[in-house]
Amino acid sequence: MAKTRLKAVGYLRCSGLGQDGGDAWNRQRAACEKHASKHGLAIVDWFRDTGVSGTKGVGDRPGLAALLDRIESNGIRIVLIENASRLARDLLVSEVILAQFRAAGCAVICCSSGLDLAAETDADPTRRLIRQVLGAVSEFDRRVTVAKLKAARDRIRARDGRCEGRKPYGARPHEVAVIHRIRELYRKPHGRARRSFQAIADTLNAELAPTRTGRPWSKQTVFGIVRRGL
């Protein structure tokens, strides 16, 4: 008679919505399926969180919350994850989540190392240290990534004057001609006073120059563009 395989569920997570169409899911599933095949486990369900940071707790992860509900209601006691960072990238968050699995009597297997991250460690300080080191490394990687992204944004901002957020008026191709017109209207005529911002706005409205919002030009909008620099 064939031996009945233990049942397990898999948990997948990616933090960026842009990763949803990439290989993040395939890579994580493959790691879990490889471990399950090697150890005679049958994966009966998958749970995943898309666009959820590894620093978020269960309350911000519908997939993880559904997984906890599943194991508490049907007796499955093995959860497979690709590595410790899929569970959490913050050491405190990781410990809180693992405590919930531990209370449910559930093993959380890190397929890259084979370790049960939720194993009781009071009598095994070495395993406790390993689990905390894995969490600390994930947290360190996250902080390094955040620092590198900030450095990249600072570099782009220093080069281009801005990095993120709504692009200023004039950044879109059809707005360039209007910027040229504002520059022309703002230029001081020879022997005459410079036009006021209200006069420039009135001229743009009379010429049906397009605004970003579709509302009429105002002196405040013209002033903002001029102050930014033509």
C-alpha atoms as a PDB file:
ATOM      1  CA  MET A   1       0.000   0.000   0.000  1.00  0.00           C
ATOM      2  CA  ALA A   2       1.365   3.407  -0.955  1.00  0.00           C
ATOM      3  CA  LYS A   3       2.420   5.568   1.929  1.00  0.00           C
ATOM      4  CA  THR A   4       0.121   8.568   2.473  1.00  0.00           C
ATOM      5  CA  ARG A   5       2.022  11.796   1.953  1.00  0.00           C
ATOM      6  CA  LEU A   6       1.798  14.591   4.489  1.00  0.00           C
ATOM      7  CA  LYS A   7      -0.146  17.602   3.273  1.00  0.00           C
ATOM      8  CA  ALA A   8       1.376  21.069   3.064  1.00  0.00           C
ATOM      9  CA  VAL A   9       0.472  24.508   1.746  1.00  0.00           C
ATOM     10  CA  GLY A  10       2.755  26.998   0.035  1.00  0.00           C
ATOM     11  CA  TYR A  11       3.071  30.718   0.730  1.00  0.00           C
ATOM     12  CA  LEU A  12       4.340  33.126  -1.931  1.00  0.00           C
ATOM     13  CA  ARG A  13       4.955  36.871  -1.667  1.00  0.00           C
ATOM     14  CA  CYS A  14       6.373  39.623  -3.858  1.00  0.00           C
ATOM     15  CA  SER A  15       6.608  43.237  -2.734  1.00  0.00           C
ATOM     16  CA  GLY A  16       6.332  45.003  -6.098  1.00  0.00           C
ATOM     17  CA  LEU A  17       3.239  45.007  -8.281  1.00  0.00           C
ATOM     18  CA  GLY A  18       5.597  45.094 -11.260  1.00  0.00           C
ATOM     19  CA  GLN A  19       6.980  41.689 -10.234  1.00  0.00           C
ATOM     20  CA  ASP A  20       3.564  40.070 -10.657  1.00  0.00           C
ATOM     21  CA  GLY A  21       4.225  39.341 -14.297  1.00  0.00           C
ATOM     22  CA  GLY A  22       7.820  38.229 -13.799  1.00  0.00           C
ATOM     23  CA  ASP A  23       9.378  34.989 -12.619  1.00  0.00           C
ATOM     24  CA  ALA A  24       8.857  35.677  -8.880  1.00  0.00           C
ATOM     25  CA  TRP A  25       5.947  33.249  -8.596  1.00  0.00           C
ATOM     26  CA  ASN A  26       7.520  30.526 -10.748  1.00  0.00           C
ATOM     27  CA  ARG A  27      10.798  30.687  -8.821  1.00  0.00           C
ATOM     28  CA  GLN A  28       9.103  30.475  -5.435  1.00  0.00           C
ATOM     29  CA  ARG A  29       6.741  27.688  -6.491  1.00  0.00           C
ATOM     30  CA  ALA A  30       9.620  25.698  -7.976  1.00  0.00           C
ATOM     31  CA  ALA A  31      11.601  25.912  -4.718  1.00  0.00           C
ATOM     32  CA  CYS A  32       8.597  24.753  -2.672  1.00  0.00           C
ATOM     33  CA  GLU A  33       7.725  21.948  -5.095  1.00  0.00           C
ATOM     34  CA  LYS A  34      11.316  20.706  -5.144  1.00  0.00           C
ATOM     35  CA  HIS A  35      11.402  20.504  -1.340  1.00  0.00           C
ATOM     36  CA  ALA A  36       7.988  18.823  -1.246  1.00  0.00           C
ATOM     37  CA  SER A  37       9.058  16.195  -3.777  1.00  0.00           C
ATOM     38  CA  LYS A  38      12.289  15.487  -1.921  1.00  0.00           C
ATOM     39  CA  HIS A  39      10.560  15.052   1.441  1.00  0.00           C
ATOM     40  CA  GLY A  40       7.377  13.302   0.325  1.00  0.00           C
ATOM     41  CA  LEU A  41       4.990  16.198   0.897  1.00  0.00           C
ATOM     42  CA  ALA A  42       1.833  16.950  -1.073  1.00  0.00           C
ATOM     43  CA  ILE A  43       1.135  20.658  -1.642  1.00  0.00           C
ATOM     44  CA  VAL A  44      -2.650  20.965  -1.579  1.00  0.00           C
ATOM     45  CA  ASP A  45      -3.045  24.736  -1.799  1.00  0.00           C
ATOM     46  CA  TRP A  46      -1.181  27.972  -2.462  1.00  0.00           C
ATOM     47  CA  PHE A  47      -1.540  31.377  -0.822  1.00  0.00           C
ATOM     48  CA  ARG A  48       0.113  34.545  -2.007  1.00  0.00           C
ATOM     49  CA  ASP A  49       0.363  38.274  -1.363  1.00  0.00           C
ATOM     50  CA  THR A  50       1.066  40.584  -4.275  1.00  0.00           C
ATOM     51  CA  GLY A  51       2.591  44.031  -3.824  1.00  0.00           C
ATOM     52  CA  VAL A  52       2.963  43.557  -0.069  1.00  0.00           C
ATOM     53  CA  SER A  53       6.155  44.646   1.666  1.00  0.00           C
ATOM     54  CA  GLY A  54       8.012  42.142   3.801  1.00  0.00           C
ATOM     55  CA  THR A  55       7.792  44.627   6.662  1.00  0.00           C
ATOM     56  CA  LYS A  56       3.989  44.283   6.872  1.00  0.00           C
ATOM     57  CA  GLY A  57       2.280  42.137   9.452  1.00  0.00           C
ATOM     58  CA  VAL A  58      -0.600  39.676   9.048  1.00  0.00           C
ATOM     59  CA  GLY A  59      -3.187  42.482   9.174  1.00  0.00           C
ATOM     60  CA  ASP A  60      -1.850  43.860   5.889  1.00  0.00           C
ATOM     61  CA  ARG A  61      -1.503  40.488   4.148  1.00  0.00           C
ATOM     62  CA  PRO A  62      -4.784  38.944   3.004  1.00  0.00           C
ATOM     63  CA  GLY A  63      -2.993  35.904   1.603  1.00  0.00           C
ATOM     64  CA  LEU A  64      -1.170  35.149   4.832  1.00  0.00           C
ATOM     65  CA  ALA A  65      -4.323  35.753   6.862  1.00  0.00           C
ATOM     66  CA  ALA A  66      -6.213  33.268   4.662  1.00  0.00           C
ATOM     67  CA  LEU A  67      -3.384  30.760   5.114  1.00  0.00           C
ATOM     68  CA  LEU A  68      -3.566  31.019   8.909  1.00  0.00           C
ATOM     69  CA  ASP A  69      -7.328  30.524   8.749  1.00  0.00           C
ATOM     70  CA  ARG A  70      -6.828  27.458   6.553  1.00  0.00           C
ATOM     71  CA  ILE A  71      -4.358  25.709   8.825  1.00  0.00           C
ATOM     72  CA  GLU A  72      -6.453  26.457  11.897  1.00  0.00           C
ATOM     73  CA  SER A  73      -9.557  24.944  10.312  1.00  0.00           C
ATOM     74  CA  ASN A  74      -8.359  21.830   8.458  1.00  0.00           C
ATOM     75  CA  GLY A  75      -5.411  20.445  10.370  1.00  0.00           C
ATOM     76  CA  ILE A  76      -2.615  21.088   7.845  1.00  0.00           C
ATOM     77  CA  ARG A  77       0.511  21.742   9.827  1.00  0.00           C
ATOM     78  CA  ILE A  78       3.238  22.373   7.227  1.00  0.00           C
ATOM     79  CA  VAL A  79       3.822  25.650   5.373  1.00  0.00           C
ATOM     80  CA  LEU A  80       6.473  25.920   2.676  1.00  0.00           C
ATOM     81  CA  ILE A  81       8.199  29.184   1.730  1.00  0.00           C
ATOM     82  CA  GLU A  82      11.077  29.773  -0.656  1.00  0.00           C
ATOM     83  CA  ASN A  83      13.254  31.483   1.952  1.00  0.00           C
ATOM     84  CA  ALA A  84      13.003  33.514   5.141  1.00  0.00           C
ATOM     85  CA  SER A  85      12.580  36.812   3.268  1.00  0.00           C
ATOM     86  CA  ARG A  86       9.308  35.613   1.689  1.00  0.00           C
ATOM     87  CA  LEU A  87       7.834  35.453   5.192  1.00  0.00           C
ATOM     88  CA  ALA A  88       9.221  38.793   6.375  1.00  0.00           C
ATOM     89  CA  ARG A  89      12.076  41.218   5.864  1.00  0.00           C
ATOM     90  CA  ASP A  90      11.829  42.702   9.321  1.00  0.00           C
ATOM     91  CA  LEU A  91      13.090  40.661  12.270  1.00  0.00           C
ATOM     92  CA  LEU A  92      10.349  41.773  14.652  1.00  0.00           C
ATOM     93  CA  VAL A  93       7.595  41.122  12.075  1.00  0.00           C
ATOM     94  CA  SER A  94       9.110  37.715  11.359  1.00  0.00           C
ATOM     95  CA  GLU A  95       9.115  36.756  15.034  1.00  0.00           C
ATOM     96  CA  VAL A  96       5.494  37.889  15.470  1.00  0.00           C
ATOM     97  CA  ILE A  97       4.307  35.876  12.444  1.00  0.00           C
ATOM     98  CA  LEU A  98       6.270  32.806  13.455  1.00  0.00           C
ATOM     99  CA  ALA A  99       4.788  33.006  16.946  1.00  0.00           C
ATOM    100  CA  GLN A 100       1.317  32.718  15.376  1.00  0.00           C
ATOM    101  CA  PHE A 101       2.320  29.637  13.391  1.00  0.00           C
ATOM    102  CA  ARG A 102       3.977  28.187  16.459  1.00  0.00           C
ATOM    103  CA  ALA A 103       0.804  28.681  18.499  1.00  0.00           C
ATOM    104  CA  ALA A 104      -1.110  26.761  15.804  1.00  0.00           C
ATOM    105  CA  GLY A 105       1.421  23.922  15.984  1.00  0.00           C
ATOM    106  CA  CYS A 106       2.474  24.562  12.398  1.00  0.00           C
ATOM    107  CA  ALA A 107       5.930  24.104  10.883  1.00  0.00           C
ATOM    108  CA  VAL A 108       7.190  26.810   8.519  1.00  0.00           C
ATOM    109  CA  ILE A 109       9.812  25.280   6.264  1.00  0.00           C
ATOM    110  CA  CYS A 110      12.393  27.500   4.594  1.00  0.00           C
ATOM    111  CA  CYS A 111      12.973  25.475   1.415  1.00  0.00           C
ATOM    112  CA  SER A 112      16.350  27.047   0.658  1.00  0.00           C
ATOM    113  CA  SER A 113      17.818  25.801   3.958  1.00  0.00           C
ATOM    114  CA  GLY A 114      15.414  23.054   5.051  1.00  0.00           C
ATOM    115  CA  LEU A 115      14.992  24.660   8.466  1.00  0.00           C
ATOM    116  CA  ASP A 116      11.698  24.834  10.317  1.00  0.00           C
ATOM    117  CA  LEU A 117      11.614  28.544  11.156  1.00  0.00           C
ATOM    118  CA  ALA A 118       8.770  28.055  13.633  1.00  0.00           C
ATOM    119  CA  ALA A 119      10.472  25.285  15.628  1.00  0.00           C
ATOM    120  CA  GLU A 120      10.614  25.711  19.383  1.00  0.00           C
ATOM    121  CA  THR A 121      14.071  27.015  20.186  1.00  0.00           C
ATOM    122  CA  ASP A 122      14.174  27.465  23.957  1.00  0.00           C
ATOM    123  CA  ALA A 123      16.059  24.179  24.293  1.00  0.00           C
ATOM    124  CA  ASP A 124      18.081  24.731  21.118  1.00  0.00           C
ATOM    125  CA  PRO A 125      19.863  28.107  21.211  1.00  0.00           C
ATOM    126  CA  THR A 126      21.741  27.303  18.002  1.00  0.00           C
ATOM    127  CA  ARG A 127      18.551  26.984  15.944  1.00  0.00           C
ATOM    128  CA  ARG A 128      17.149  30.120  17.550  1.00  0.00           C
ATOM    129  CA  LEU A 129      20.320  31.976  16.556  1.00  0.00           C
ATOM    130  CA  ILE A 130      20.138  30.647  12.986  1.00  0.00           C
ATOM    131  CA  ARG A 131      16.515  31.736  12.617  1.00  0.00           C
ATOM    132  CA  GLN A 132      17.254  35.201  13.967  1.00  0.00           C
ATOM    133  CA  VAL A 133      20.338  35.529  11.768  1.00  0.00           C
ATOM    134  CA  LEU A 134      18.231  34.637   8.706  1.00  0.00           C
ATOM    135  CA  GLY A 135      15.752  37.334   9.681  1.00  0.00           C
ATOM    136  CA  ALA A 136      18.524  39.838  10.402  1.00  0.00           C
ATOM    137  CA  VAL A 137      20.110  39.187   7.007  1.00  0.00           C
ATOM    138  CA  SER A 138      16.763  39.777   5.282  1.00  0.00           C
ATOM    139  CA  GLU A 139      16.305  43.018   7.212  1.00  0.00           C
ATOM    140  CA  PHE A 140      19.859  44.097   6.343  1.00  0.00           C
ATOM    141  CA  ASP A 141      19.265  43.350   2.646  1.00  0.00           C
ATOM    142  CA  ARG A 142      16.091  45.417   2.732  1.00  0.00           C
ATOM    143  CA  ARG A 143      17.831  48.386   4.327  1.00  0.00           C
ATOM    144  CA  VAL A 144      20.702  48.198   1.842  1.00  0.00           C
ATOM    145  CA  THR A 145      18.212  48.113  -1.037  1.00  0.00           C
ATOM    146  CA  VAL A 146      16.348  51.126   0.378  1.00  0.00           C
ATOM    147  CA  ALA A 147      19.635  53.021   0.768  1.00  0.00           C
ATOM    148  CA  LYS A 148      20.687  52.235  -2.808  1.00  0.00           C
ATOM    149  CA  LEU A 149      17.337  53.321  -4.207  1.00  0.00           C
ATOM    150  CA  LYS A 150      17.548  56.589  -2.262  1.00  0.00           C
ATOM    151  CA  ALA A 151      21.055  57.197  -3.587  1.00  0.00           C
ATOM    152  CA  ALA A 152      19.800  56.589  -7.131  1.00  0.00           C
ATOM    153  CA  ARG A 153      16.916  59.030  -6.634  1.00  0.00           C
ATOM    154  CA  ASP A 154      19.267  61.649  -5.209  1.00  0.00           C
ATOM    155  CA  ARG A 155      21.571  61.233  -8.208  1.00  0.00           C
ATOM    156  CA  ILE A 156      18.701  61.628 -10.689  1.00  0.00           C
ATOM    157  CA  ARG A 157      17.337  64.605  -8.762  1.00  0.00           C
ATOM    158  CA  ALA A 158      20.777  66.293  -8.792  1.00  0.00           C
ATOM    159  CA  ARG A 159      21.075  65.684 -12.532  1.00  0.00           C
ATOM    160  CA  ASP A 160      17.523  66.440 -13.677  1.00  0.00           C
ATOM    161  CA  GLY A 161      16.200  68.633 -10.897  1.00  0.00           C
ATOM    162  CA  ARG A 162      13.482  66.143  -9.914  1.00  0.00           C
ATOM    163  CA  CYS A 163      12.943  62.420  -9.708  1.00  0.00           C
ATOM    164  CA  GLU A 164       9.398  61.438  -8.850  1.00  0.00           C
ATOM    165  CA  GLY A 165       6.022  63.042  -8.564  1.00  0.00           C
ATOM    166  CA  ARG A 166       3.918  64.841 -11.132  1.00  0.00           C
ATOM    167  CA  LYS A 167       5.972  66.294 -13.967  1.00  0.00           C
ATOM    168  CA  PRO A 168       5.803  70.093 -14.250  1.00  0.00           C
ATOM    169  CA  TYR A 169       3.910  71.872 -16.988  1.00  0.00           C
ATOM    170  CA  GLY A 170       6.073  71.897 -20.086  1.00  0.00           C
ATOM    171  CA  ALA A 171       7.378  68.359 -19.634  1.00  0.00           C
ATOM    172  CA  ARG A 172       4.864  66.955 -22.120  1.00  0.00           C
ATOM    173  CA  PRO A 173       5.484  67.511 -25.848  1.00  0.00           C
ATOM    174  CA  HIS A 174       2.238  69.406 -26.520  1.00  0.00           C
ATOM    175  CA  GLU A 175       3.021  71.827 -23.674  1.00  0.00           C
ATOM    176  CA  VAL A 176       6.369  73.005 -25.014  1.00  0.00           C
ATOM    177  CA  ALA A 177       4.799  75.509 -27.412  1.00  0.00           C
ATOM    178  CA  VAL A 178       2.818  77.066 -24.548  1.00  0.00           C
ATOM    179  CA  ILE A 179       5.990  77.462 -22.487  1.00  0.00           C
ATOM    180  CA  HIS A 180       7.579  79.273 -25.429  1.00  0.00           C
ATOM    181  CA  ARG A 181       4.519  81.525 -25.627  1.00  0.00           C
ATOM    182  CA  ILE A 182       4.655  82.336 -21.907  1.00  0.00           C
ATOM    183  CA  ARG A 183       8.339  83.163 -22.288  1.00  0.00           C
ATOM    184  CA  GLU A 184       7.493  85.461 -25.173  1.00  0.00           C
ATOM    185  CA  LEU A 185       4.693  87.204 -23.283  1.00  0.00           C
ATOM    186  CA  TYR A 186       6.782  87.598 -20.115  1.00  0.00           C
ATOM    187  CA  ARG A 187       9.677  89.213 -21.990  1.00  0.00           C
ATOM    188  CA  LYS A 188       9.735  92.981 -21.298  1.00  0.00           C
ATOM    189  CA  PRO A 189       8.715  94.921 -24.402  1.00  0.00           C
ATOM    190  CA  HIS A 190      11.118  97.659 -25.469  1.00  0.00           C
ATOM    191  CA  GLY A 191      10.097 100.964 -23.905  1.00  0.00           C
ATOM    192  CA  ARG A 192       7.046  99.491 -22.165  1.00  0.00           C
ATOM    193  CA  ALA A 193       6.271  97.881 -18.831  1.00  0.00           C
ATOM    194  CA  ARG A 194       6.397  94.097 -18.496  1.00  0.00           C
ATOM    195  CA  ARG A 195       3.013  92.399 -18.761  1.00  0.00           C
ATOM    196  CA  SER A 196       1.417  91.352 -15.496  1.00  0.00           C
ATOM    197  CA  PHE A 197       0.826  87.673 -14.751  1.00  0.00           C
ATOM    198  CA  GLN A 198      -2.911  88.311 -15.048  1.00  0.00           C
ATOM    199  CA  ALA A 199      -2.427  89.878 -18.494  1.00  0.00           C
ATOM    200  CA  ILE A 200      -0.411  86.858 -19.607  1.00  0.00           C
ATOM    201  CA  ALA A 201      -3.118  84.521 -18.295  1.00  0.00           C
ATOM    202  CA  ASP A 202      -5.812  86.508 -20.121  1.00  0.00           C
ATOM    203  CA  THR A 203      -3.833  86.289 -23.368  1.00  0.00           C
ATOM    204  CA  LEU A 204      -3.344  82.539 -23.022  1.00  0.00           C
ATOM    205  CA  ASN A 205      -7.057  82.065 -22.378  1.00  0.00           C
ATOM    206  CA  ALA A 206      -7.951  84.203 -25.416  1.00  0.00           C
ATOM    207  CA  GLU A 207      -5.591  82.081 -27.534  1.00  0.00           C
ATOM    208  CA  LEU A 208      -7.124  78.860 -26.095  1.00  0.00           C
ATOM    209  CA  ALA A 209      -3.745  77.635 -24.891  1.00  0.00           C
ATOM    210  CA  PRO A 210      -4.299  74.264 -23.152  1.00  0.00           C
ATOM    211  CA  THR A 211      -3.762  73.887 -19.420  1.00  0.00           C
ATOM    212  CA  ARG A 212      -2.903  70.640 -17.634  1.00  0.00           C
ATOM    213  CA  THR A 213      -6.289  70.494 -15.878  1.00  0.00           C
ATOM    214  CA  GLY A 214      -8.528  71.980 -18.552  1.00  0.00           C
ATOM    215  CA  ARG A 215      -9.371  74.977 -16.351  1.00  0.00           C
ATOM    216  CA  PRO A 216      -8.625  78.555 -17.502  1.00  0.00           C
ATOM    217  CA  TRP A 217      -5.198  80.030 -16.965  1.00  0.00           C
ATOM    218  CA  SER A 218      -4.794  82.054 -13.769  1.00  0.00           C
ATOM    219  CA  LYS A 219      -2.144  84.519 -12.702  1.00  0.00           C
ATOM    220  CA  GLN A 220      -1.064  82.078  -9.965  1.00  0.00           C
ATOM    221  CA  THR A 221      -0.404  79.324 -12.505  1.00  0.00           C
ATOM    222  CA  VAL A 222       1.568  81.661 -14.743  1.00  0.00           C
ATOM    223  CA  PHE A 223       3.531  82.931 -11.747  1.00  0.00           C
ATOM    224  CA  GLY A 224       4.412  79.382 -10.710  1.00  0.00           C
ATOM    225  CA  ILE A 225       5.720  78.535 -14.165  1.00  0.00           C
ATOM    226  CA  VAL A 226       7.734  81.766 -14.398  1.00  0.00           C
ATOM    227  CA  ARG A 227       9.154  81.339 -10.904  1.00  0.00           C
ATOM    228  CA  ARG A 228      10.213  77.783 -11.747  1.00  0.00           C
ATOM    229  CA  GLY A 229      12.251  79.206 -14.553  1.00  0.00           C
ATOM    230  CA  LEU A 230      11.523  79.384 -18.236  1.00  0.00           C
END
